[in-house]
Amino acid sequence: RRFFAASIKEKQAISYEQSSAFRGYMMKGTERTEGKIDAREQIELGQEAISYEVEDPVARRLIGPNQWPPSNNGLKSVSELWIQSSAQAAASIVSHLGNFLDSLLAP
């Protein structure tokens, strides 16, 4: 909340347009869904390092460092914890789903 309450100048300091991985701040009206302007501002973040190879060149463009605002206000530590926890949860779900599918195919 503190980040979005900051001045437009501070938010624009980490504009996604400065990131080859499309990470950073997007002002209201930047994103579109099904041809309609999304009525929200957002910050795009993701895992900065991955432990697997990405073969698709388009997907590879999305890998890169996050941008953090000059007056961080704890955004980095909270976001990195969220990203790590989400990645662990996703890996667990995929593993359990794989085990379930394997059990369906077992004789």
PDB file of N, CA and C in Angstrom:
ATOM      1  N   ARG A   1       0.822  -1.196   0.000  1.00  0.00           N
ATOM      2  CA  ARG A   1       0.000   0.000   0.000  1.00  0.00           C
ATOM      3  C   ARG A   1       0.865   1.258   0.000  1.00  0.00           C
ATOM      4  N   ARG A   2       1.975   1.182   0.728  1.00  0.00           N
ATOM      5  CA  ARG A   2       2.830   2.365   0.807  1.00  0.00           C
ATOM      6  C   ARG A   2       3.396   2.719  -0.560  1.00  0.00           C
ATOM      7  N   PHE A   3       3.748   1.700  -1.337  1.00  0.00           N
ATOM      8  CA  PHE A   3       4.287   1.981  -2.665  1.00  0.00           C
ATOM      9  C   PHE A   3       3.257   2.722  -3.510  1.00  0.00           C
ATOM     10  N   PHE A   4       2.021   2.264  -3.535  1.00  0.00           N
ATOM     11  CA  PHE A   4       0.995   2.880  -4.377  1.00  0.00           C
ATOM     12  C   PHE A   4       0.565   4.250  -3.853  1.00  0.00           C
ATOM     13  N   ALA A   5       0.839   4.516  -2.583  1.00  0.00           N
ATOM     14  CA  ALA A   5       0.549   5.842  -2.019  1.00  0.00           C
ATOM     15  C   ALA A   5       1.665   6.848  -2.330  1.00  0.00           C
ATOM     16  N   ALA A   6       2.794   6.351  -2.845  1.00  0.00           N
ATOM     17  CA  ALA A   6       3.933   7.231  -3.155  1.00  0.00           C
ATOM     18  C   ALA A   6       3.602   8.139  -4.338  1.00  0.00           C
ATOM     19  N   SER A   7       4.453   9.112  -4.548  1.00  0.00           N
ATOM     20  CA  SER A   7       4.257  10.051  -5.659  1.00  0.00           C
ATOM     21  C   SER A   7       4.431   9.333  -6.991  1.00  0.00           C
ATOM     22  N   ILE A   8       3.830   9.877  -8.027  1.00  0.00           N
ATOM     23  CA  ILE A   8       3.971   9.306  -9.363  1.00  0.00           C
ATOM     24  C   ILE A   8       5.440   9.309  -9.783  1.00  0.00           C
ATOM     25  N   LYS A   9       6.194  10.313  -9.361  1.00  0.00           N
ATOM     26  CA  LYS A   9       7.618  10.383  -9.696  1.00  0.00           C
ATOM     27  C   LYS A   9       8.373   9.184  -9.127  1.00  0.00           C
ATOM     28  N   GLU A  10       8.090   8.831  -7.885  1.00  0.00           N
ATOM     29  CA  GLU A  10       8.770   7.687  -7.277  1.00  0.00           C
ATOM     30  C   GLU A  10       8.341   6.384  -7.956  1.00  0.00           C
ATOM     31  N   LYS A  11       7.067   6.252  -8.258  1.00  0.00           N
ATOM     32  CA  LYS A  11       6.596   5.032  -8.917  1.00  0.00           C
ATOM     33  C   LYS A  11       7.183   4.916 -10.321  1.00  0.00           C
ATOM     34  N   GLN A  12       7.228   6.004 -11.054  1.00  0.00           N
ATOM     35  CA  GLN A  12       7.762   5.996 -12.420  1.00  0.00           C
ATOM     36  C   GLN A  12       9.272   5.745 -12.442  1.00  0.00           C
ATOM     37  N   ALA A  13       9.934   5.937 -11.306  1.00  0.00           N
ATOM     38  CA  ALA A  13      11.381   5.668 -11.233  1.00  0.00           C
ATOM     39  C   ALA A  13      11.680   4.192 -11.492  1.00  0.00           C
ATOM     40  N   ILE A  14      10.663   3.328 -11.305  1.00  0.00           N
ATOM     41  CA  ILE A  14      10.863   1.909 -11.583  1.00  0.00           C
ATOM     42  C   ILE A  14       9.872   1.444 -12.665  1.00  0.00           C
ATOM     43  N   SER A  15       9.640   2.274 -13.649  1.00  0.00           N
ATOM     44  CA  SER A  15       8.720   1.939 -14.739  1.00  0.00           C
ATOM     45  C   SER A  15       9.144   0.654 -15.434  1.00  0.00           C
ATOM     46  N   TYR A  16       8.170  -0.165 -15.766  1.00  0.00           N
ATOM     47  CA  TYR A  16       8.448  -1.432 -16.461  1.00  0.00           C
ATOM     48  C   TYR A  16       9.133  -1.180 -17.812  1.00  0.00           C
ATOM     49  N   GLU A  17       8.977   0.000 -18.370  1.00  0.00           N
ATOM     50  CA  GLU A  17       9.586   0.312 -19.662  1.00  0.00           C
ATOM     51  C   GLU A  17      11.111   0.333 -19.587  1.00  0.00           C
ATOM     52  N   GLN A  18      11.660   0.411 -18.380  1.00  0.00           N
ATOM     53  CA  GLN A  18      13.117   0.411 -18.184  1.00  0.00           C
ATOM     54  C   GLN A  18      13.675  -0.995 -18.007  1.00  0.00           C
ATOM     55  N   SER A  19      12.800  -1.997 -18.037  1.00  0.00           N
ATOM     56  CA  SER A  19      13.203  -3.373 -17.744  1.00  0.00           C
ATOM     57  C   SER A  19      13.066  -4.266 -18.977  1.00  0.00           C
ATOM     58  N   SER A  20      14.132  -4.958 -19.329  1.00  0.00           N
ATOM     59  CA  SER A  20      14.053  -5.888 -20.454  1.00  0.00           C
ATOM     60  C   SER A  20      13.159  -7.079 -20.126  1.00  0.00           C
ATOM     61  N   ALA A  21      12.897  -7.304 -18.837  1.00  0.00           N
ATOM     62  CA  ALA A  21      12.045  -8.410 -18.400  1.00  0.00           C
ATOM     63  C   ALA A  21      10.621  -7.932 -18.083  1.00  0.00           C
ATOM     64  N   PHE A  22      10.312  -6.697 -18.435  1.00  0.00           N
ATOM     65  CA  PHE A  22       8.979  -6.118 -18.213  1.00  0.00           C
ATOM     66  C   PHE A  22       8.601  -6.114 -16.730  1.00  0.00           C
ATOM     67  N   ARG A  23       9.571  -5.842 -15.879  1.00  0.00           N
ATOM     68  CA  ARG A  23       9.330  -5.785 -14.440  1.00  0.00           C
ATOM     69  C   ARG A  23       9.305  -4.332 -14.014  1.00  0.00           C
ATOM     70  N   GLY A  24       8.409  -4.022 -13.082  1.00  0.00           N
ATOM     71  CA  GLY A  24       8.341  -2.673 -12.547  1.00  0.00           C
ATOM     72  C   GLY A  24       6.928  -2.144 -12.523  1.00  0.00           C
ATOM     73  N   TYR A  25       6.811  -0.841 -12.379  1.00  0.00           N
ATOM     74  CA  TYR A  25       5.527  -0.167 -12.202  1.00  0.00           C
ATOM     75  C   TYR A  25       4.823   0.051 -13.532  1.00  0.00           C
ATOM     76  N   MET A  26       3.527  -0.203 -13.520  1.00  0.00           N
ATOM     77  CA  MET A  26       2.668   0.101 -14.667  1.00  0.00           C
ATOM     78  C   MET A  26       1.535   0.992 -14.177  1.00  0.00           C
ATOM     79  N   MET A  27       1.406   2.144 -14.805  1.00  0.00           N
ATOM     80  CA  MET A  27       0.359   3.075 -14.381  1.00  0.00           C
ATOM     81  C   MET A  27      -1.012   2.604 -14.871  1.00  0.00           C
ATOM     82  N   LYS A  28      -2.032   3.127 -14.262  1.00  0.00           N
ATOM     83  CA  LYS A  28      -3.411   2.785 -14.619  1.00  0.00           C
ATOM     84  C   LYS A  28      -3.625   3.005 -16.117  1.00  0.00           C
ATOM     85  N   GLY A  29      -4.219   1.993 -16.769  1.00  0.00           N
ATOM     86  CA  GLY A  29      -4.500   2.102 -18.188  1.00  0.00           C
ATOM     87  C   GLY A  29      -3.439   1.499 -19.090  1.00  0.00           C
ATOM     88  N   THR A  30      -2.317   1.020 -18.502  1.00  0.00           N
ATOM     89  CA  THR A  30      -1.246   0.430 -19.303  1.00  0.00           C
ATOM     90  C   THR A  30      -1.627  -0.957 -19.791  1.00  0.00           C
ATOM     91  N   GLU A  31      -2.193  -1.744 -18.909  1.00  0.00           N
ATOM     92  CA  GLU A  31      -2.567  -3.125 -19.227  1.00  0.00           C
ATOM     93  C   GLU A  31      -3.950  -3.180 -19.865  1.00  0.00           C
ATOM     94  N   ARG A  32      -4.127  -4.166 -20.732  1.00  0.00           N
ATOM     95  CA  ARG A  32      -5.427  -4.411 -21.362  1.00  0.00           C
ATOM     96  C   ARG A  32      -5.773  -5.894 -21.215  1.00  0.00           C
ATOM     97  N   THR A  33      -7.036  -6.167 -20.994  1.00  0.00           N
ATOM     98  CA  THR A  33      -7.543  -7.526 -20.932  1.00  0.00           C
ATOM     99  C   THR A  33      -8.722  -7.628 -21.881  1.00  0.00           C
ATOM    100  N   GLU A  34      -8.625  -8.551 -22.824  1.00  0.00           N
ATOM    101  CA  GLU A  34      -9.666  -8.732 -23.833  1.00  0.00           C
ATOM    102  C   GLU A  34     -10.015  -7.412 -24.521  1.00  0.00           C
ATOM    103  N   GLY A  35      -8.982  -6.616 -24.794  1.00  0.00           N
ATOM    104  CA  GLY A  35      -9.160  -5.369 -25.520  1.00  0.00           C
ATOM    105  C   GLY A  35      -9.652  -4.201 -24.688  1.00  0.00           C
ATOM    106  N   LYS A  36      -9.898  -4.429 -23.404  1.00  0.00           N
ATOM    107  CA  LYS A  36     -10.388  -3.361 -22.530  1.00  0.00           C
ATOM    108  C   LYS A  36      -9.268  -2.908 -21.594  1.00  0.00           C
ATOM    109  N   ILE A  37      -9.222  -1.599 -21.358  1.00  0.00           N
ATOM    110  CA  ILE A  37      -8.214  -1.039 -20.463  1.00  0.00           C
ATOM    111  C   ILE A  37      -8.488  -1.517 -19.044  1.00  0.00           C
ATOM    112  N   ASP A  38      -7.436  -2.036 -18.391  1.00  0.00           N
ATOM    113  CA  ASP A  38      -7.544  -2.431 -16.989  1.00  0.00           C
ATOM    114  C   ASP A  38      -7.482  -1.188 -16.120  1.00  0.00           C
ATOM    115  N   ALA A  39      -8.434  -1.059 -15.239  1.00  0.00           N
ATOM    116  CA  ALA A  39      -8.524   0.125 -14.378  1.00  0.00           C
ATOM    117  C   ALA A  39      -7.749  -0.098 -13.087  1.00  0.00           C
ATOM    118  N   ARG A  40      -6.443  -0.337 -13.219  1.00  0.00           N
ATOM    119  CA  ARG A  40      -5.609  -0.510 -12.039  1.00  0.00           C
ATOM    120  C   ARG A  40      -4.172  -0.138 -12.367  1.00  0.00           C
ATOM    121  N   GLU A  41      -3.451   0.250 -11.343  1.00  0.00           N
ATOM    122  CA  GLU A  41      -2.011   0.378 -11.472  1.00  0.00           C
ATOM    123  C   GLU A  41      -1.414  -0.861 -10.810  1.00  0.00           C
ATOM    124  N   GLN A  42      -0.210  -1.220 -11.224  1.00  0.00           N
ATOM    125  CA  GLN A  42       0.373  -2.450 -10.690  1.00  0.00           C
ATOM    126  C   GLN A  42       1.883  -2.389 -10.733  1.00  0.00           C
ATOM    127  N   ILE A  43       2.478  -3.325 -10.009  1.00  0.00           N
ATOM    128  CA  ILE A  43       3.925  -3.513 -10.070  1.00  0.00           C
ATOM    129  C   ILE A  43       4.157  -4.980 -10.413  1.00  0.00           C
ATOM    130  N   GLU A  44       4.934  -5.205 -11.456  1.00  0.00           N
ATOM    131  CA  GLU A  44       5.253  -6.557 -11.907  1.00  0.00           C
ATOM    132  C   GLU A  44       6.552  -6.995 -11.234  1.00  0.00           C
ATOM    133  N   LEU A  45       6.478  -8.135 -10.540  1.00  0.00           N
ATOM    134  CA  LEU A  45       7.631  -8.719  -9.868  1.00  0.00           C
ATOM    135  C   LEU A  45       7.658 -10.207 -10.182  1.00  0.00           C
ATOM    136  N   GLY A  46       8.796 -10.831 -10.009  1.00  0.00           N
ATOM    137  CA  GLY A  46       8.900 -12.266 -10.222  1.00  0.00           C
ATOM    138  C   GLY A  46      10.191 -12.807  -9.661  1.00  0.00           C
ATOM    139  N   GLN A  47      10.375 -14.116  -9.821  1.00  0.00           N
ATOM    140  CA  GLN A  47      11.619 -14.735  -9.381  1.00  0.00           C
ATOM    141  C   GLN A  47      12.770 -14.134 -10.181  1.00  0.00           C
ATOM    142  N   GLU A  48      13.818 -13.744  -9.488  1.00  0.00           N
ATOM    143  CA  GLU A  48      14.964 -13.153 -10.174  1.00  0.00           C
ATOM    144  C   GLU A  48      15.911 -14.211 -10.704  1.00  0.00           C
ATOM    145  N   ALA A  49      15.958 -15.352 -10.054  1.00  0.00           N
ATOM    146  CA  ALA A  49      16.818 -16.447 -10.492  1.00  0.00           C
ATOM    147  C   ALA A  49      15.972 -17.708 -10.531  1.00  0.00           C
ATOM    148  N   ILE A  50      16.150 -18.494 -11.557  1.00  0.00           N
ATOM    149  CA  ILE A  50      15.411 -19.743 -11.664  1.00  0.00           C
ATOM    150  C   ILE A  50      16.388 -20.893 -11.787  1.00  0.00           C
ATOM    151  N   SER A  51      15.949 -22.075 -11.378  1.00  0.00           N
ATOM    152  CA  SER A  51      16.851 -23.227 -11.353  1.00  0.00           C
ATOM    153  C   SER A  51      16.605 -24.190 -12.509  1.00  0.00           C
ATOM    154  N   TYR A  52      15.959 -23.716 -13.544  1.00  0.00           N
ATOM    155  CA  TYR A  52      15.682 -24.577 -14.691  1.00  0.00           C
ATOM    156  C   TYR A  52      15.921 -23.785 -15.972  1.00  0.00           C
ATOM    157  N   GLU A  53      16.092 -24.506 -17.068  1.00  0.00           N
ATOM    158  CA  GLU A  53      16.347 -23.889 -18.363  1.00  0.00           C
ATOM    159  C   GLU A  53      15.023 -23.537 -19.043  1.00  0.00           C
ATOM    160  N   VAL A  54      14.953 -22.362 -19.582  1.00  0.00           N
ATOM    161  CA  VAL A  54      13.775 -21.925 -20.334  1.00  0.00           C
ATOM    162  C   VAL A  54      14.169 -21.910 -21.807  1.00  0.00           C
ATOM    163  N   GLU A  55      13.533 -22.770 -22.587  1.00  0.00           N
ATOM    164  CA  GLU A  55      13.901 -22.898 -23.999  1.00  0.00           C
ATOM    165  C   GLU A  55      13.215 -21.867 -24.886  1.00  0.00           C
ATOM    166  N   ASP A  56      12.000 -21.498 -24.554  1.00  0.00           N
ATOM    167  CA  ASP A  56      11.225 -20.570 -25.371  1.00  0.00           C
ATOM    168  C   ASP A  56      11.839 -19.169 -25.288  1.00  0.00           C
ATOM    169  N   PRO A  57      12.294 -18.610 -26.409  1.00  0.00           N
ATOM    170  CA  PRO A  57      12.947 -17.291 -26.375  1.00  0.00           C
ATOM    171  C   PRO A  57      12.016 -16.172 -25.883  1.00  0.00           C
ATOM    172  N   VAL A  58      10.730 -16.291 -26.146  1.00  0.00           N
ATOM    173  CA  VAL A  58       9.788 -15.274 -25.662  1.00  0.00           C
ATOM    174  C   VAL A  58       9.685 -15.358 -24.146  1.00  0.00           C
ATOM    175  N   ALA A  59       9.564 -16.557 -23.611  1.00  0.00           N
ATOM    176  CA  ALA A  59       9.487 -16.736 -22.156  1.00  0.00           C
ATOM    177  C   ALA A  59      10.787 -16.319 -21.480  1.00  0.00           C
ATOM    178  N   ARG A  60      11.931 -16.560 -22.140  1.00  0.00           N
ATOM    179  CA  ARG A  60      13.228 -16.174 -21.570  1.00  0.00           C
ATOM    180  C   ARG A  60      13.322 -14.673 -21.347  1.00  0.00           C
ATOM    181  N   ARG A  61      12.623 -13.904 -22.177  1.00  0.00           N
ATOM    182  CA  ARG A  61      12.656 -12.437 -22.035  1.00  0.00           C
ATOM    183  C   ARG A  61      12.043 -11.992 -20.706  1.00  0.00           C
ATOM    184  N   LEU A  62      11.235 -12.842 -20.086  1.00  0.00           N
ATOM    185  CA  LEU A  62      10.556 -12.477 -18.847  1.00  0.00           C
ATOM    186  C   LEU A  62      11.402 -12.760 -17.608  1.00  0.00           C
ATOM    187  N   ILE A  63      12.587 -13.291 -17.788  1.00  0.00           N
ATOM    188  CA  ILE A  63      13.481 -13.589 -16.669  1.00  0.00           C
ATOM    189  C   ILE A  63      14.435 -12.416 -16.490  1.00  0.00           C
ATOM    190  N   GLY A  64      14.525 -11.931 -15.281  1.00  0.00           N
ATOM    191  CA  GLY A  64      15.431 -10.815 -15.035  1.00  0.00           C
ATOM    192  C   GLY A  64      15.227 -10.231 -13.661  1.00  0.00           C
ATOM    193  N   PRO A  65      15.974  -9.200 -13.357  1.00  0.00           N
ATOM    194  CA  PRO A  65      15.889  -8.607 -12.019  1.00  0.00           C
ATOM    195  C   PRO A  65      14.621  -7.772 -11.836  1.00  0.00           C
ATOM    196  N   ASN A  66      14.170  -7.737 -10.600  1.00  0.00           N
ATOM    197  CA  ASN A  66      13.074  -6.844 -10.238  1.00  0.00           C
ATOM    198  C   ASN A  66      13.635  -5.446 -10.047  1.00  0.00           C
ATOM    199  N   GLN A  67      12.781  -4.467 -10.133  1.00  0.00           N
ATOM    200  CA  GLN A  67      13.157  -3.088  -9.820  1.00  0.00           C
ATOM    201  C   GLN A  67      12.517  -2.740  -8.472  1.00  0.00           C
ATOM    202  N   TRP A  68      13.267  -2.030  -7.652  1.00  0.00           N
ATOM    203  CA  TRP A  68      12.758  -1.658  -6.337  1.00  0.00           C
ATOM    204  C   TRP A  68      12.774  -0.144  -6.207  1.00  0.00           C
ATOM    205  N   PRO A  69      11.744   0.421  -5.594  1.00  0.00           N
ATOM    206  CA  PRO A  69      11.687   1.881  -5.452  1.00  0.00           C
ATOM    207  C   PRO A  69      12.807   2.401  -4.553  1.00  0.00           C
ATOM    208  N   PRO A  70      13.227   3.641  -4.780  1.00  0.00           N
ATOM    209  CA  PRO A  70      14.299   4.224  -3.969  1.00  0.00           C
ATOM    210  C   PRO A  70      14.013   4.165  -2.467  1.00  0.00           C
ATOM    211  N   SER A  71      12.793   4.483  -2.062  1.00  0.00           N
ATOM    212  CA  SER A  71      12.431   4.376  -0.640  1.00  0.00           C
ATOM    213  C   SER A  71      11.664   3.070  -0.453  1.00  0.00           C
ATOM    214  N   ASN A  72      12.410   1.996  -0.397  1.00  0.00           N
ATOM    215  CA  ASN A  72      11.907   0.635  -0.415  1.00  0.00           C
ATOM    216  C   ASN A  72      10.730   0.379   0.541  1.00  0.00           C
ATOM    217  N   ASN A  73      10.781   0.903   1.751  1.00  0.00           N
ATOM    218  CA  ASN A  73       9.709   0.736   2.743  1.00  0.00           C
ATOM    219  C   ASN A  73       9.328  -0.722   2.985  1.00  0.00           C
ATOM    220  N   GLY A  74      10.285  -1.623   2.888  1.00  0.00           N
ATOM    221  CA  GLY A  74      10.022  -3.027   3.166  1.00  0.00           C
ATOM    222  C   GLY A  74       9.415  -3.806   2.018  1.00  0.00           C
ATOM    223  N   LEU A  75       9.170  -3.144   0.881  1.00  0.00           N
ATOM    224  CA  LEU A  75       8.539  -3.817  -0.257  1.00  0.00           C
ATOM    225  C   LEU A  75       9.379  -5.005  -0.729  1.00  0.00           C
ATOM    226  N   LYS A  76      10.679  -4.849  -0.800  1.00  0.00           N
ATOM    227  CA  LYS A  76      11.537  -5.916  -1.316  1.00  0.00           C
ATOM    228  C   LYS A  76      11.477  -7.153  -0.424  1.00  0.00           C
ATOM    229  N   SER A  77      11.643  -6.989   0.877  1.00  0.00           N
ATOM    230  CA  SER A  77      11.674  -8.165   1.761  1.00  0.00           C
ATOM    231  C   SER A  77      10.326  -8.892   1.771  1.00  0.00           C
ATOM    232  N   VAL A  78       9.236  -8.161   1.818  1.00  0.00           N
ATOM    233  CA  VAL A  78       7.905  -8.776   1.818  1.00  0.00           C
ATOM    234  C   VAL A  78       7.627  -9.455   0.482  1.00  0.00           C
ATOM    235  N   SER A  79       7.984  -8.795  -0.610  1.00  0.00           N
ATOM    236  CA  SER A  79       7.727  -9.348  -1.943  1.00  0.00           C
ATOM    237  C   SER A  79       8.571 -10.589  -2.195  1.00  0.00           C
ATOM    238  N   GLU A  80       9.843 -10.553  -1.810  1.00  0.00           N
ATOM    239  CA  GLU A  80      10.700 -11.718  -2.023  1.00  0.00           C
ATOM    240  C   GLU A  80      10.214 -12.925  -1.226  1.00  0.00           C
ATOM    241  N   LEU A  81       9.724 -12.697  -0.015  1.00  0.00           N
ATOM    242  CA  LEU A  81       9.159 -13.787   0.789  1.00  0.00           C
ATOM    243  C   LEU A  81       7.915 -14.355   0.101  1.00  0.00           C
ATOM    244  N   TRP A  82       7.057 -13.468  -0.418  1.00  0.00           N
ATOM    245  CA  TRP A  82       5.854 -13.900  -1.124  1.00  0.00           C
ATOM    246  C   TRP A  82       6.204 -14.705  -2.384  1.00  0.00           C
ATOM    247  N   ILE A  83       7.142 -14.218  -3.145  1.00  0.00           N
ATOM    248  CA  ILE A  83       7.552 -14.900  -4.379  1.00  0.00           C
ATOM    249  C   ILE A  83       8.114 -16.281  -4.058  1.00  0.00           C
ATOM    250  N   GLN A  84       8.974 -16.372  -3.048  1.00  0.00           N
ATOM    251  CA  GLN A  84       9.568 -17.653  -2.658  1.00  0.00           C
ATOM    252  C   GLN A  84       8.482 -18.616  -2.158  1.00  0.00           C
ATOM    253  N   SER A  85       7.585 -18.144  -1.325  1.00  0.00           N
ATOM    254  CA  SER A  85       6.512 -18.987  -0.801  1.00  0.00           C
ATOM    255  C   SER A  85       5.585 -19.466  -1.915  1.00  0.00           C
ATOM    256  N   SER A  86       5.280 -18.591  -2.845  1.00  0.00           N
ATOM    257  CA  SER A  86       4.417 -18.957  -3.975  1.00  0.00           C
ATOM    258  C   SER A  86       5.083 -20.005  -4.860  1.00  0.00           C
ATOM    259  N   ALA A  87       6.389 -19.857  -5.101  1.00  0.00           N
ATOM    260  CA  ALA A  87       7.114 -20.822  -5.918  1.00  0.00           C
ATOM    261  C   ALA A  87       7.140 -22.187  -5.240  1.00  0.00           C
ATOM    262  N   GLN A  88       7.323 -22.207  -3.930  1.00  0.00           N
ATOM    263  CA  GLN A  88       7.323 -23.476  -3.198  1.00  0.00           C
ATOM    264  C   GLN A  88       5.942 -24.131  -3.240  1.00  0.00           C
ATOM    265  N   ALA A  89       4.895 -23.334  -3.074  1.00  0.00           N
ATOM    266  CA  ALA A  89       3.532 -23.870  -3.133  1.00  0.00           C
ATOM    267  C   ALA A  89       3.235 -24.427  -4.523  1.00  0.00           C
ATOM    268  N   ALA A  90       3.643 -23.709  -5.555  1.00  0.00           N
ATOM    269  CA  ALA A  90       3.411 -24.169  -6.930  1.00  0.00           C
ATOM    270  C   ALA A  90       4.149 -25.481  -7.190  1.00  0.00           C
ATOM    271  N   ALA A  91       5.395 -25.579  -6.732  1.00  0.00           N
ATOM    272  CA  ALA A  91       6.162 -26.819  -6.924  1.00  0.00           C
ATOM    273  C   ALA A  91       5.499 -27.988  -6.206  1.00  0.00           C
ATOM    274  N   SER A  92       4.974 -27.741  -5.030  1.00  0.00           N
ATOM    275  CA  SER A  92       4.287 -28.791  -4.277  1.00  0.00           C
ATOM    276  C   SER A  92       3.019 -29.246  -4.999  1.00  0.00           C
ATOM    277  N   ILE A  93       2.251 -28.299  -5.498  1.00  0.00           N
ATOM    278  CA  ILE A  93       1.019 -28.638  -6.225  1.00  0.00           C
ATOM    279  C   ILE A  93       1.340 -29.452  -7.469  1.00  0.00           C
ATOM    280  N   VAL A  94       2.337 -29.036  -8.233  1.00  0.00           N
ATOM    281  CA  VAL A  94       2.720 -29.757  -9.451  1.00  0.00           C
ATOM    282  C   VAL A  94       3.189 -31.175  -9.098  1.00  0.00           C
ATOM    283  N   SER A  95       3.960 -31.307  -8.033  1.00  0.00           N
ATOM    284  CA  SER A  95       4.438 -32.617  -7.610  1.00  0.00           C
ATOM    285  C   SER A  95       3.272 -33.533  -7.234  1.00  0.00           C
ATOM    286  N   HIS A  96       2.343 -33.021  -6.427  1.00  0.00           N
ATOM    287  CA  HIS A  96       1.182 -33.822  -6.024  1.00  0.00           C
ATOM    288  C   HIS A  96       0.298 -34.161  -7.224  1.00  0.00           C
ATOM    289  N   LEU A  97       0.133 -33.237  -8.118  1.00  0.00           N
ATOM    290  CA  LEU A  97      -0.659 -33.503  -9.314  1.00  0.00           C
ATOM    291  C   LEU A  97       0.008 -34.595 -10.156  1.00  0.00           C
ATOM    292  N   GLY A  98       1.323 -34.515 -10.297  1.00  0.00           N
ATOM    293  CA  GLY A  98       2.056 -35.544 -11.030  1.00  0.00           C
ATOM    294  C   GLY A  98       1.896 -36.914 -10.393  1.00  0.00           C
ATOM    295  N   ASN A  99       1.995 -36.969  -9.066  1.00  0.00           N
ATOM    296  CA  ASN A  99       1.811 -38.240  -8.355  1.00  0.00           C
ATOM    297  C   ASN A  99       0.405 -38.783  -8.569  1.00  0.00           C
ATOM    298  N   PHE A 100      -0.584 -37.919  -8.517  1.00  0.00           N
ATOM    299  CA  PHE A 100      -1.965 -38.335  -8.734  1.00  0.00           C
ATOM    300  C   PHE A 100      -2.142 -38.884 -10.146  1.00  0.00           C
ATOM    301  N   LEU A 101      -1.630 -38.179 -11.136  1.00  0.00           N
ATOM    302  CA  LEU A 101      -1.751 -38.648 -12.527  1.00  0.00           C
ATOM    303  C   LEU A 101      -1.029 -39.983 -12.721  1.00  0.00           C
ATOM    304  N   ASP A 102       0.145 -40.123 -12.090  1.00  0.00           N
ATOM    305  CA  ASP A 102       0.863 -41.389 -12.154  1.00  0.00           C
ATOM    306  C   ASP A 102       0.021 -42.527 -11.575  1.00  0.00           C
ATOM    307  N   SER A 103      -0.688 -42.226 -10.476  1.00  0.00           N
ATOM    308  CA  SER A 103      -1.511 -43.280  -9.849  1.00  0.00           C
ATOM    309  C   SER A 103      -2.668 -43.703 -10.747  1.00  0.00           C
ATOM    310  N   LEU A 104      -3.151 -42.809 -11.572  1.00  0.00           N
ATOM    311  CA  LEU A 104      -4.230 -43.150 -12.492  1.00  0.00           C
ATOM    312  C   LEU A 104      -3.741 -44.069 -13.606  1.00  0.00           C
ATOM    313  N   LEU A 105      -2.468 -43.921 -13.953  1.00  0.00           N
ATOM    314  CA  LEU A 105      -1.896 -44.709 -15.047  1.00  0.00           C
ATOM    315  C   LEU A 105      -1.293 -46.026 -14.579  1.00  0.00           C
ATOM    316  N   ALA A 106      -1.130 -46.174 -13.269  1.00  0.00           N
ATOM    317  CA  ALA A 106      -0.525 -47.399 -12.728  1.00  0.00           C
ATOM    318  C   ALA A 106      -1.471 -48.586 -12.946  1.00  0.00           C
ATOM    319  N   PRO A 107      -0.890 -49.746 -13.254  1.00  0.00           N
ATOM    320  CA  PRO A 107      -1.749 -50.940 -13.489  1.00  0.00           C
ATOM    321  C   PRO A 107      -2.435 -51.411 -12.230  1.00  0.00           C
TER     322      PRO A 107
END
